[in-house]
PDB file of all heavy atoms in Angstrom:
ATOM      1  N   SER A   1       0.792  -1.224   0.000  1.00  0.00           N
ATOM      2  CA  SER A   1       0.000   0.000   0.000  1.00  0.00           C
ATOM      3  C   SER A   1       0.829   1.280   0.000  1.00  0.00           C
ATOM      4  O   SER A   1       0.283   2.373  -0.097  1.00  0.00           O
ATOM      5  CB  SER A   1      -0.937   0.011   1.219  1.00  0.00           C
ATOM      6  OG  SER A   1      -0.198   0.032   2.422  1.00  0.00           O
ATOM      7  N   LEU A   2       2.163   1.173   0.086  1.00  0.00           N
ATOM      8  CA  LEU A   2       3.000   2.373   0.151  1.00  0.00           C
ATOM      9  C   LEU A   2       4.239   2.223  -0.734  1.00  0.00           C
ATOM     10  O   LEU A   2       5.371   2.273  -0.279  1.00  0.00           O
ATOM     11  CB  LEU A   2       3.401   2.667   1.597  1.00  0.00           C
ATOM     12  CG  LEU A   2       3.940   4.074   1.866  1.00  0.00           C
ATOM     13  CD1 LEU A   2       2.894   5.137   1.550  1.00  0.00           C
ATOM     14  CD2 LEU A   2       4.389   4.210   3.322  1.00  0.00           C
ATOM     15  N   HIS A   3       3.994   1.970  -2.023  1.00  0.00           N
ATOM     16  CA  HIS A   3       5.063   1.951  -3.030  1.00  0.00           C
ATOM     17  C   HIS A   3       6.107   0.859  -2.807  1.00  0.00           C
ATOM     18  O   HIS A   3       7.177   0.917  -3.414  1.00  0.00           O
ATOM     19  CB  HIS A   3       5.793   3.300  -3.072  1.00  0.00           C
ATOM     20  CG  HIS A   3       4.947   4.445  -3.502  1.00  0.00           C
ATOM     21  ND1 HIS A   3       4.278   4.472  -4.708  1.00  0.00           N
ATOM     22  CD2 HIS A   3       4.647   5.623  -2.885  1.00  0.00           C
ATOM     23  CE1 HIS A   3       3.615   5.614  -4.827  1.00  0.00           C
ATOM     24  NE2 HIS A   3       3.813   6.323  -3.738  1.00  0.00           N
ATOM     25  N   GLY A   4       5.838  -0.088  -1.924  1.00  0.00           N
ATOM     26  CA  GLY A   4       6.865  -1.086  -1.623  1.00  0.00           C
ATOM     27  C   GLY A   4       7.966  -0.547  -0.738  1.00  0.00           C
ATOM     28  O   GLY A   4       9.024  -1.166  -0.586  1.00  0.00           O
ATOM     29  N   GLN A   5       7.736   0.624  -0.123  1.00  0.00           N
ATOM     30  CA  GLN A   5       8.743   1.265   0.729  1.00  0.00           C
ATOM     31  C   GLN A   5       8.793   0.591   2.090  1.00  0.00           C
ATOM     32  O   GLN A   5       7.761   0.303   2.687  1.00  0.00           O
ATOM     33  CB  GLN A   5       8.393   2.748   0.888  1.00  0.00           C
ATOM     34  CG  GLN A   5       9.425   3.566   1.632  1.00  0.00           C
ATOM     35  CD  GLN A   5       9.097   5.050   1.576  1.00  0.00           C
ATOM     36  OE1 GLN A   5       9.130   5.659   0.507  1.00  0.00           O
ATOM     37  NE2 GLN A   5       8.763   5.628   2.719  1.00  0.00           N
ATOM     38  N   SER A   6       9.983   0.359   2.588  1.00  0.00           N
ATOM     39  CA  SER A   6      10.172  -0.415   3.814  1.00  0.00           C
ATOM     40  C   SER A   6       9.824   0.354   5.082  1.00  0.00           C
ATOM     41  O   SER A   6       9.670  -0.240   6.145  1.00  0.00           O
ATOM     42  CB  SER A   6      11.621  -0.909   3.910  1.00  0.00           C
ATOM     43  OG  SER A   6      12.525   0.192   3.903  1.00  0.00           O
ATOM     44  N   LYS A   7       9.684   1.692   5.002  1.00  0.00           N
ATOM     45  CA  LYS A   7       9.290   2.504   6.152  1.00  0.00           C
ATOM     46  C   LYS A   7       8.246   3.523   5.715  1.00  0.00           C
ATOM     47  O   LYS A   7       8.365   4.124   4.643  1.00  0.00           O
ATOM     48  CB  LYS A   7      10.495   3.271   6.728  1.00  0.00           C
ATOM     49  CG  LYS A   7      11.515   2.420   7.460  1.00  0.00           C
ATOM     50  CD  LYS A   7      12.613   3.317   8.016  1.00  0.00           C
ATOM     51  CE  LYS A   7      13.684   2.487   8.719  1.00  0.00           C
ATOM     52  NZ  LYS A   7      14.797   3.354   9.210  1.00  0.00           N
ATOM     53  N   ASP A   8       7.231   3.732   6.583  1.00  0.00           N
ATOM     54  CA  ASP A   8       6.287   4.799   6.271  1.00  0.00           C
ATOM     55  C   ASP A   8       6.824   6.126   6.798  1.00  0.00           C
ATOM     56  O   ASP A   8       7.869   6.182   7.458  1.00  0.00           O
ATOM     57  CB  ASP A   8       4.890   4.491   6.822  1.00  0.00           C
ATOM     58  CG  ASP A   8       4.845   4.375   8.340  1.00  0.00           C
ATOM     59  OD1 ASP A   8       5.741   4.912   9.028  1.00  0.00           O
ATOM     60  OD2 ASP A   8       3.893   3.753   8.851  1.00  0.00           O
ATOM     61  N   ALA A   9       6.091   7.205   6.516  1.00  0.00           N
ATOM     62  CA  ALA A   9       6.569   8.538   6.887  1.00  0.00           C
ATOM     63  C   ALA A   9       6.734   8.686   8.390  1.00  0.00           C
ATOM     64  O   ALA A   9       7.658   9.350   8.866  1.00  0.00           O
ATOM     65  CB  ALA A   9       5.601   9.594   6.352  1.00  0.00           C
ATOM     66  N   LEU A  10       5.844   8.070   9.160  1.00  0.00           N
ATOM     67  CA  LEU A  10       5.918   8.174  10.614  1.00  0.00           C
ATOM     68  C   LEU A  10       7.192   7.521  11.139  1.00  0.00           C
ATOM     69  O   LEU A  10       7.896   8.086  11.991  1.00  0.00           O
ATOM     70  CB  LEU A  10       4.689   7.516  11.256  1.00  0.00           C
ATOM     71  CG  LEU A  10       4.590   7.602  12.783  1.00  0.00           C
ATOM     72  CD1 LEU A  10       4.470   9.054  13.224  1.00  0.00           C
ATOM     73  CD2 LEU A  10       3.387   6.796  13.277  1.00  0.00           C
ATOM     74  N   ALA A  11       7.512   6.347  10.622  1.00  0.00           N
ATOM     75  CA  ALA A  11       8.720   5.649  11.066  1.00  0.00           C
ATOM     76  C   ALA A  11       9.979   6.425  10.705  1.00  0.00           C
ATOM     77  O   ALA A  11      10.971   6.420  11.451  1.00  0.00           O
ATOM     78  CB  ALA A  11       8.767   4.251  10.451  1.00  0.00           C
ATOM     79  N   LYS A  12       9.938   7.123   9.575  1.00  0.00           N
ATOM     80  CA  LYS A  12      11.118   7.878   9.116  1.00  0.00           C
ATOM     81  C   LYS A  12      11.371   9.148   9.927  1.00  0.00           C
ATOM     82  O   LYS A  12      12.417   9.774   9.787  1.00  0.00           O
ATOM     83  CB  LYS A  12      10.957   8.228   7.635  1.00  0.00           C
ATOM     84  CG  LYS A  12      11.123   7.026   6.703  1.00  0.00           C
ATOM     85  CD  LYS A  12      10.665   7.348   5.300  1.00  0.00           C
ATOM     86  CE  LYS A  12      11.547   8.390   4.648  1.00  0.00           C
ATOM     87  NZ  LYS A  12      11.105   8.708   3.273  1.00  0.00           N
ATOM     88  N   THR A  13      10.402   9.535  10.767  1.00  0.00           N
ATOM     89  CA  THR A  13      10.607  10.752  11.567  1.00  0.00           C
ATOM     90  C   THR A  13      11.466  10.501  12.800  1.00  0.00           C
ATOM     91  O   THR A  13      11.886  11.450  13.467  1.00  0.00           O
ATOM     92  CB  THR A  13       9.253  11.330  12.036  1.00  0.00           C
ATOM     93  OG1 THR A  13       8.581  10.367  12.860  1.00  0.00           O
ATOM     94  CG2 THR A  13       8.389  11.709  10.850  1.00  0.00           C
ATOM     95  N   GLN A  14      11.708   9.242  13.111  1.00  0.00           N
ATOM     96  CA  GLN A  14      12.548   8.940  14.268  1.00  0.00           C
ATOM     97  C   GLN A  14      13.979   9.402  13.990  1.00  0.00           C
ATOM     98  O   GLN A  14      14.447   9.394  12.840  1.00  0.00           O
ATOM     99  CB  GLN A  14      12.518   7.429  14.557  1.00  0.00           C
ATOM    100  CG  GLN A  14      11.115   6.849  14.730  1.00  0.00           C
ATOM    101  CD  GLN A  14      10.311   7.553  15.800  1.00  0.00           C
ATOM    102  OE1 GLN A  14      10.792   7.757  16.911  1.00  0.00           O
ATOM    103  NE2 GLN A  14       9.084   7.944  15.469  1.00  0.00           N
ATOM    104  N   LEU A  15      14.689   9.817  15.036  1.00  0.00           N
ATOM    105  CA  LEU A  15      16.038  10.349  14.887  1.00  0.00           C
ATOM    106  C   LEU A  15      16.942   9.392  14.121  1.00  0.00           C
ATOM    107  O   LEU A  15      17.095   8.230  14.494  1.00  0.00           O
ATOM    108  CB  LEU A  15      16.641  10.647  16.272  1.00  0.00           C
ATOM    109  CG  LEU A  15      16.029  11.827  17.041  1.00  0.00           C
ATOM    110  CD1 LEU A  15      16.644  11.931  18.423  1.00  0.00           C
ATOM    111  CD2 LEU A  15      16.218  13.129  16.260  1.00  0.00           C
ATOM    112  N   GLY A  16      17.519   9.886  13.042  1.00  0.00           N
ATOM    113  CA  GLY A  16      18.467   9.087  12.265  1.00  0.00           C
ATOM    114  C   GLY A  16      17.849   7.946  11.498  1.00  0.00           C
ATOM    115  O   GLY A  16      18.559   7.069  11.006  1.00  0.00           O
ATOM    116  N   ALA A  17      16.503   7.953  11.354  1.00  0.00           N
ATOM    117  CA  ALA A  17      15.825   6.800  10.757  1.00  0.00           C
ATOM    118  C   ALA A  17      15.328   7.078   9.338  1.00  0.00           C
ATOM    119  O   ALA A  17      14.373   6.478   8.890  1.00  0.00           O
ATOM    120  CB  ALA A  17      14.660   6.376  11.644  1.00  0.00           C
ATOM    121  N   TRP A  18      16.007   7.996   8.627  1.00  0.00           N
ATOM    122  CA  TRP A  18      15.544   8.354   7.295  1.00  0.00           C
ATOM    123  C   TRP A  18      15.722   7.237   6.279  1.00  0.00           C
ATOM    124  O   TRP A  18      14.988   7.155   5.284  1.00  0.00           O
ATOM    125  CB  TRP A  18      16.291   9.595   6.797  1.00  0.00           C
ATOM    126  CG  TRP A  18      17.733   9.291   6.459  1.00  0.00           C
ATOM    127  CD1 TRP A  18      18.804   9.376   7.284  1.00  0.00           C
ATOM    128  CD2 TRP A  18      18.224   8.794   5.213  1.00  0.00           C
ATOM    129  NE1 TRP A  18      19.946   8.978   6.647  1.00  0.00           N
ATOM    130  CE2 TRP A  18      19.614   8.617   5.354  1.00  0.00           C
ATOM    131  CE3 TRP A  18      17.636   8.490   3.977  1.00  0.00           C
ATOM    132  CZ2 TRP A  18      20.427   8.135   4.331  1.00  0.00           C
ATOM    133  CZ3 TRP A  18      18.445   8.018   2.950  1.00  0.00           C
ATOM    134  CH2 TRP A  18      19.828   7.844   3.127  1.00  0.00           C
ATOM    135  N   GLU A  19      16.714   6.374   6.470  1.00  0.00           N
ATOM    136  CA  GLU A  19      17.085   5.354   5.485  1.00  0.00           C
ATOM    137  C   GLU A  19      15.932   4.378   5.246  1.00  0.00           C
ATOM    138  O   GLU A  19      15.252   3.946   6.177  1.00  0.00           O
ATOM    139  CB  GLU A  19      18.312   4.589   5.970  1.00  0.00           C
ATOM    140  CG  GLU A  19      18.845   3.558   4.973  1.00  0.00           C
ATOM    141  CD  GLU A  19      19.385   4.191   3.703  1.00  0.00           C
ATOM    142  OE1 GLU A  19      20.392   4.905   3.781  1.00  0.00           O
ATOM    143  OE2 GLU A  19      18.761   3.972   2.647  1.00  0.00           O
ATOM    144  N   TYR A  20      15.715   4.041   3.984  1.00  0.00           N
ATOM    145  CA  TYR A  20      14.645   3.109   3.636  1.00  0.00           C
ATOM    146  C   TYR A  20      15.022   2.357   2.367  1.00  0.00           C
ATOM    147  O   TYR A  20      15.980   2.704   1.672  1.00  0.00           O
ATOM    148  CB  TYR A  20      13.326   3.866   3.412  1.00  0.00           C
ATOM    149  CG  TYR A  20      13.373   4.803   2.231  1.00  0.00           C
ATOM    150  CD1 TYR A  20      12.983   4.386   0.961  1.00  0.00           C
ATOM    151  CD2 TYR A  20      13.836   6.112   2.375  1.00  0.00           C
ATOM    152  CE1 TYR A  20      13.050   5.234  -0.140  1.00  0.00           C
ATOM    153  CE2 TYR A  20      13.905   6.973   1.288  1.00  0.00           C
ATOM    154  CZ  TYR A  20      13.509   6.536   0.038  1.00  0.00           C
ATOM    155  OH  TYR A  20      13.585   7.373  -1.029  1.00  0.00           O
ATOM    156  N   ASP A  21      14.239   1.345   2.056  1.00  0.00           N
ATOM    157  CA  ASP A  21      14.412   0.600   0.817  1.00  0.00           C
ATOM    158  C   ASP A  21      13.051   0.507   0.128  1.00  0.00           C
ATOM    159  O   ASP A  21      12.009   0.693   0.757  1.00  0.00           O
ATOM    160  CB  ASP A  21      14.949  -0.799   1.122  1.00  0.00           C
ATOM    161  CG  ASP A  21      15.359  -1.559  -0.149  1.00  0.00           C
ATOM    162  OD1 ASP A  21      15.549  -0.907  -1.194  1.00  0.00           O
ATOM    163  OD2 ASP A  21      15.471  -2.791  -0.082  1.00  0.00           O
ATOM    164  N   VAL A  22      13.067   0.253  -1.168  1.00  0.00           N
ATOM    165  CA  VAL A  22      11.844  -0.047  -1.910  1.00  0.00           C
ATOM    166  C   VAL A  22      12.012  -1.455  -2.450  1.00  0.00           C
ATOM    167  O   VAL A  22      12.873  -1.699  -3.301  1.00  0.00           O
ATOM    168  CB  VAL A  22      11.593   0.960  -3.048  1.00  0.00           C
ATOM    169  CG1 VAL A  22      10.416   0.515  -3.912  1.00  0.00           C
ATOM    170  CG2 VAL A  22      11.340   2.348  -2.479  1.00  0.00           C
ATOM    171  N   VAL A  23      11.205  -2.377  -1.932  1.00  0.00           N
ATOM    172  CA  VAL A  23      11.419  -3.794  -2.239  1.00  0.00           C
ATOM    173  C   VAL A  23      10.786  -4.206  -3.565  1.00  0.00           C
ATOM    174  O   VAL A  23      11.171  -5.212  -4.158  1.00  0.00           O
ATOM    175  CB  VAL A  23      10.886  -4.685  -1.102  1.00  0.00           C
ATOM    176  CG1 VAL A  23      11.587  -4.352   0.213  1.00  0.00           C
ATOM    177  CG2 VAL A  23       9.375  -4.553  -0.936  1.00  0.00           C
ATOM    178  N   ALA A  24       9.791  -3.436  -4.032  1.00  0.00           N
ATOM    179  CA  ALA A  24       9.124  -3.720  -5.310  1.00  0.00           C
ATOM    180  C   ALA A  24       8.311  -2.493  -5.706  1.00  0.00           C
ATOM    181  O   ALA A  24       7.926  -1.701  -4.843  1.00  0.00           O
ATOM    182  CB  ALA A  24       8.221  -4.953  -5.183  1.00  0.00           C
ATOM    183  N   PRO A  25       8.026  -2.309  -6.989  1.00  0.00           N
ATOM    184  CA  PRO A  25       7.246  -1.149  -7.437  1.00  0.00           C
ATOM    185  C   PRO A  25       5.743  -1.385  -7.210  1.00  0.00           C
ATOM    186  O   PRO A  25       4.996  -1.680  -8.146  1.00  0.00           O
ATOM    187  CB  PRO A  25       7.584  -1.046  -8.923  1.00  0.00           C
ATOM    188  CG  PRO A  25       7.883  -2.454  -9.325  1.00  0.00           C
ATOM    189  CD  PRO A  25       8.530  -3.102  -8.133  1.00  0.00           C
ATOM    190  N   TYR A  26       5.317  -1.248  -5.954  1.00  0.00           N
ATOM    191  CA  TYR A  26       3.939  -1.547  -5.586  1.00  0.00           C
ATOM    192  C   TYR A  26       3.006  -0.342  -5.726  1.00  0.00           C
ATOM    193  O   TYR A  26       3.209   0.504  -6.588  1.00  0.00           O
ATOM    194  CB  TYR A  26       3.891  -2.114  -4.165  1.00  0.00           C
ATOM    195  CG  TYR A  26       4.412  -3.527  -4.035  1.00  0.00           C
ATOM    196  CD1 TYR A  26       5.051  -3.944  -2.868  1.00  0.00           C
ATOM    197  CD2 TYR A  26       4.269  -4.457  -5.063  1.00  0.00           C
ATOM    198  CE1 TYR A  26       5.524  -5.239  -2.726  1.00  0.00           C
ATOM    199  CE2 TYR A  26       4.744  -5.755  -4.944  1.00  0.00           C
ATOM    200  CZ  TYR A  26       5.374  -6.139  -3.766  1.00  0.00           C
ATOM    201  OH  TYR A  26       5.847  -7.417  -3.624  1.00  0.00           O
ATOM    202  N   PHE A  27       2.024  -0.229  -4.854  1.00  0.00           N
ATOM    203  CA  PHE A  27       0.900   0.679  -5.035  1.00  0.00           C
ATOM    204  C   PHE A  27       0.882   1.761  -3.957  1.00  0.00           C
ATOM    205  O   PHE A  27       1.663   1.741  -3.027  1.00  0.00           O
ATOM    206  CB  PHE A  27      -0.399  -0.138  -5.018  1.00  0.00           C
ATOM    207  CG  PHE A  27      -0.315  -1.348  -5.903  1.00  0.00           C
ATOM    208  CD1 PHE A  27       0.073  -2.585  -5.388  1.00  0.00           C
ATOM    209  CD2 PHE A  27      -0.560  -1.256  -7.264  1.00  0.00           C
ATOM    210  CE1 PHE A  27       0.197  -3.699  -6.211  1.00  0.00           C
ATOM    211  CE2 PHE A  27      -0.447  -2.357  -8.084  1.00  0.00           C
ATOM    212  CZ  PHE A  27      -0.061  -3.584  -7.559  1.00  0.00           C
ATOM    213  N   LYS A  28      -0.045   2.710  -4.099  1.00  0.00           N
ATOM    214  CA  LYS A  28      -0.175   3.807  -3.129  1.00  0.00           C
ATOM    215  C   LYS A  28      -1.641   3.926  -2.739  1.00  0.00           C
ATOM    216  O   LYS A  28      -2.465   4.453  -3.487  1.00  0.00           O
ATOM    217  CB  LYS A  28       0.308   5.115  -3.757  1.00  0.00           C
ATOM    218  CG  LYS A  28       0.183   6.346  -2.849  1.00  0.00           C
ATOM    219  CD  LYS A  28       1.159   6.285  -1.674  1.00  0.00           C
ATOM    220  CE  LYS A  28       1.344   7.651  -1.013  1.00  0.00           C
ATOM    221  NZ  LYS A  28       0.125   8.198  -0.441  1.00  0.00           N
ATOM    222  N   CYS A  29      -1.983   3.417  -1.553  1.00  0.00           N
ATOM    223  CA  CYS A  29      -3.389   3.427  -1.131  1.00  0.00           C
ATOM    224  C   CYS A  29      -3.516   3.494   0.390  1.00  0.00           C
ATOM    225  O   CYS A  29      -4.425   2.910   0.965  1.00  0.00           O
ATOM    226  CB  CYS A  29      -4.133   2.215  -1.686  1.00  0.00           C
ATOM    227  SG  CYS A  29      -3.336   0.625  -1.377  1.00  0.00           S
ATOM    228  N   ASN A  30      -2.588   4.183   1.048  1.00  0.00           N
ATOM    229  CA  ASN A  30      -2.614   4.284   2.505  1.00  0.00           C
ATOM    230  C   ASN A  30      -3.722   5.214   2.984  1.00  0.00           C
ATOM    231  O   ASN A  30      -4.168   6.109   2.271  1.00  0.00           O
ATOM    232  CB  ASN A  30      -1.261   4.785   3.027  1.00  0.00           C
ATOM    233  CG  ASN A  30      -0.848   6.099   2.382  1.00  0.00           C
ATOM    234  OD1 ASN A  30      -0.720   6.193   1.154  1.00  0.00           O
ATOM    235  ND2 ASN A  30      -0.638   7.119   3.197  1.00  0.00           N
TER     236      ASN A  30
END
């Protein structure tokens, strides 16, 4: 539901937690 991204925006707000991966070109329906 979030582009195959390994972290959502809330998780990325944690200190030093910007890093993420995209595991597959999925969808956007959050």
